[in-house]
Amino acid sequence: MYAIEFETDITDRFIEIKDYEKVANRHAKIIVLVKEPLIDKQNKEDDFIDSLLKKPRHIMPNQKFLTREEANER
């Protein structure tokens, strides 16, 4: 087995392999490891939950809640 390990900043869709000729036309398994967790910013529900965890909102004592019927009205 021949292994290549290197670190790079990913700035484009393609990553250059310096010794390309040694591995050309062969099957390879590629693993990308990043230190920071990947967060999908498109999912608004995750952002809302994340914001609640960082800054909880307190319910005021005089807060009025909807009844089940009011909540399910269309």
C-alpha atoms as a PDB file:
ATOM      1  CA  MET A   1       0.000   0.000   0.000  1.00  0.00           C
ATOM      2  CA  TYR A   2       1.272   3.472  -0.900  1.00  0.00           C
ATOM      3  CA  ALA A   3       0.077   6.352   1.304  1.00  0.00           C
ATOM      4  CA  ILE A   4       0.236  10.114   0.822  1.00  0.00           C
ATOM      5  CA  GLU A   5      -0.560  12.428   3.709  1.00  0.00           C
ATOM      6  CA  PHE A   6      -0.519  16.220   3.566  1.00  0.00           C
ATOM      7  CA  GLU A   7      -2.320  19.250   4.950  1.00  0.00           C
ATOM      8  CA  THR A   8      -3.832  21.993   2.829  1.00  0.00           C
ATOM      9  CA  ASP A   9      -6.380  24.792   2.919  1.00  0.00           C
ATOM     10  CA  ILE A  10      -9.331  23.893   0.716  1.00  0.00           C
ATOM     11  CA  THR A  11     -10.080  26.957  -1.391  1.00  0.00           C
ATOM     12  CA  ASP A  12     -11.455  25.315  -4.527  1.00  0.00           C
ATOM     13  CA  ARG A  13     -13.312  22.220  -5.667  1.00  0.00           C
ATOM     14  CA  PHE A  14     -10.060  20.439  -6.529  1.00  0.00           C
ATOM     15  CA  ILE A  15      -7.070  19.421  -4.405  1.00  0.00           C
ATOM     16  CA  GLU A  16      -3.748  18.945  -6.199  1.00  0.00           C
ATOM     17  CA  ILE A  17      -1.751  15.778  -5.525  1.00  0.00           C
ATOM     18  CA  LYS A  18       1.950  16.565  -5.964  1.00  0.00           C
ATOM     19  CA  ASP A  19       3.115  13.049  -6.909  1.00  0.00           C
ATOM     20  CA  TYR A  20       0.167  12.522  -9.247  1.00  0.00           C
ATOM     21  CA  GLU A  21       2.167  10.312 -11.635  1.00  0.00           C
ATOM     22  CA  LYS A  22       2.714   7.684  -8.907  1.00  0.00           C
ATOM     23  CA  VAL A  23      -1.024   7.195  -8.342  1.00  0.00           C
ATOM     24  CA  ALA A  24      -2.436   8.000 -11.785  1.00  0.00           C
ATOM     25  CA  ASN A  25      -5.010   5.534 -13.154  1.00  0.00           C
ATOM     26  CA  ARG A  26      -5.338   3.683  -9.840  1.00  0.00           C
ATOM     27  CA  HIS A  27      -8.168   3.294  -7.373  1.00  0.00           C
ATOM     28  CA  ALA A  28      -7.727   5.409  -4.215  1.00  0.00           C
ATOM     29  CA  LYS A  29      -9.637   5.998  -1.007  1.00  0.00           C
ATOM     30  CA  ILE A  30      -9.754   9.689  -0.086  1.00  0.00           C
ATOM     31  CA  ILE A  31     -10.492  10.856   3.482  1.00  0.00           C
ATOM     32  CA  VAL A  32     -10.976  14.533   4.361  1.00  0.00           C
ATOM     33  CA  LEU A  33     -10.575  15.427   8.048  1.00  0.00           C
ATOM     34  CA  VAL A  34     -11.477  18.897   9.334  1.00  0.00           C
ATOM     35  CA  LYS A  35     -11.065  20.156  12.895  1.00  0.00           C
ATOM     36  CA  GLU A  36     -14.288  22.176  13.019  1.00  0.00           C
ATOM     37  CA  PRO A  37     -17.617  20.338  12.755  1.00  0.00           C
ATOM     38  CA  LEU A  38     -19.537  20.933   9.539  1.00  0.00           C
ATOM     39  CA  ILE A  39     -22.732  22.927  10.150  1.00  0.00           C
ATOM     40  CA  ASP A  40     -25.477  23.204   7.563  1.00  0.00           C
ATOM     41  CA  LYS A  41     -26.396  26.901   7.631  1.00  0.00           C
ATOM     42  CA  GLN A  42     -29.281  26.275   5.222  1.00  0.00           C
ATOM     43  CA  ASN A  43     -31.299  24.489   7.917  1.00  0.00           C
ATOM     44  CA  LYS A  44     -33.096  27.291   9.775  1.00  0.00           C
ATOM     45  CA  GLU A  45     -34.374  24.923  12.505  1.00  0.00           C
ATOM     46  CA  ASP A  46     -30.803  24.106  13.547  1.00  0.00           C
ATOM     47  CA  ASP A  47     -29.949  27.804  13.684  1.00  0.00           C
ATOM     48  CA  PHE A  48     -33.017  28.536  15.869  1.00  0.00           C
ATOM     49  CA  ILE A  49     -32.240  25.702  18.274  1.00  0.00           C
ATOM     50  CA  ASP A  50     -28.578  26.694  18.397  1.00  0.00           C
ATOM     51  CA  SER A  51     -29.539  30.282  19.226  1.00  0.00           C
ATOM     52  CA  LEU A  52     -31.867  29.080  22.009  1.00  0.00           C
ATOM     53  CA  LEU A  53     -29.089  26.982  23.501  1.00  0.00           C
ATOM     54  CA  LYS A  54     -26.671  29.897  23.443  1.00  0.00           C
ATOM     55  CA  LYS A  55     -29.152  32.469  24.744  1.00  0.00           C
ATOM     56  CA  PRO A  56     -32.252  30.945  26.401  1.00  0.00           C
ATOM     57  CA  ARG A  57     -35.469  32.979  26.337  1.00  0.00           C
ATOM     58  CA  HIS A  58     -37.371  33.226  29.583  1.00  0.00           C
ATOM     59  CA  ILE A  59     -41.147  33.144  29.680  1.00  0.00           C
ATOM     60  CA  MET A  60     -42.750  36.044  31.506  1.00  0.00           C
ATOM     61  CA  PRO A  61     -45.239  35.181  34.301  1.00  0.00           C
ATOM     62  CA  ASN A  62     -48.081  37.037  32.514  1.00  0.00           C
ATOM     63  CA  GLN A  63     -47.413  35.276  29.168  1.00  0.00           C
ATOM     64  CA  LYS A  64     -50.615  33.947  27.534  1.00  0.00           C
ATOM     65  CA  PHE A  65     -50.383  30.660  25.665  1.00  0.00           C
ATOM     66  CA  LEU A  66     -52.645  29.503  22.851  1.00  0.00           C
ATOM     67  CA  THR A  67     -55.164  26.810  23.592  1.00  0.00           C
ATOM     68  CA  ARG A  68     -55.010  23.612  21.561  1.00  0.00           C
ATOM     69  CA  GLU A  69     -57.971  24.811  19.482  1.00  0.00           C
ATOM     70  CA  GLU A  70     -56.373  28.211  18.824  1.00  0.00           C
ATOM     71  CA  ALA A  71     -53.099  26.615  17.825  1.00  0.00           C
ATOM     72  CA  ASN A  72     -54.814  24.237  15.386  1.00  0.00           C
ATOM     73  CA  GLU A  73     -57.124  26.808  13.750  1.00  0.00           C
ATOM     74  CA  ARG A  74     -56.603  27.194  10.039  1.00  0.00           C
END
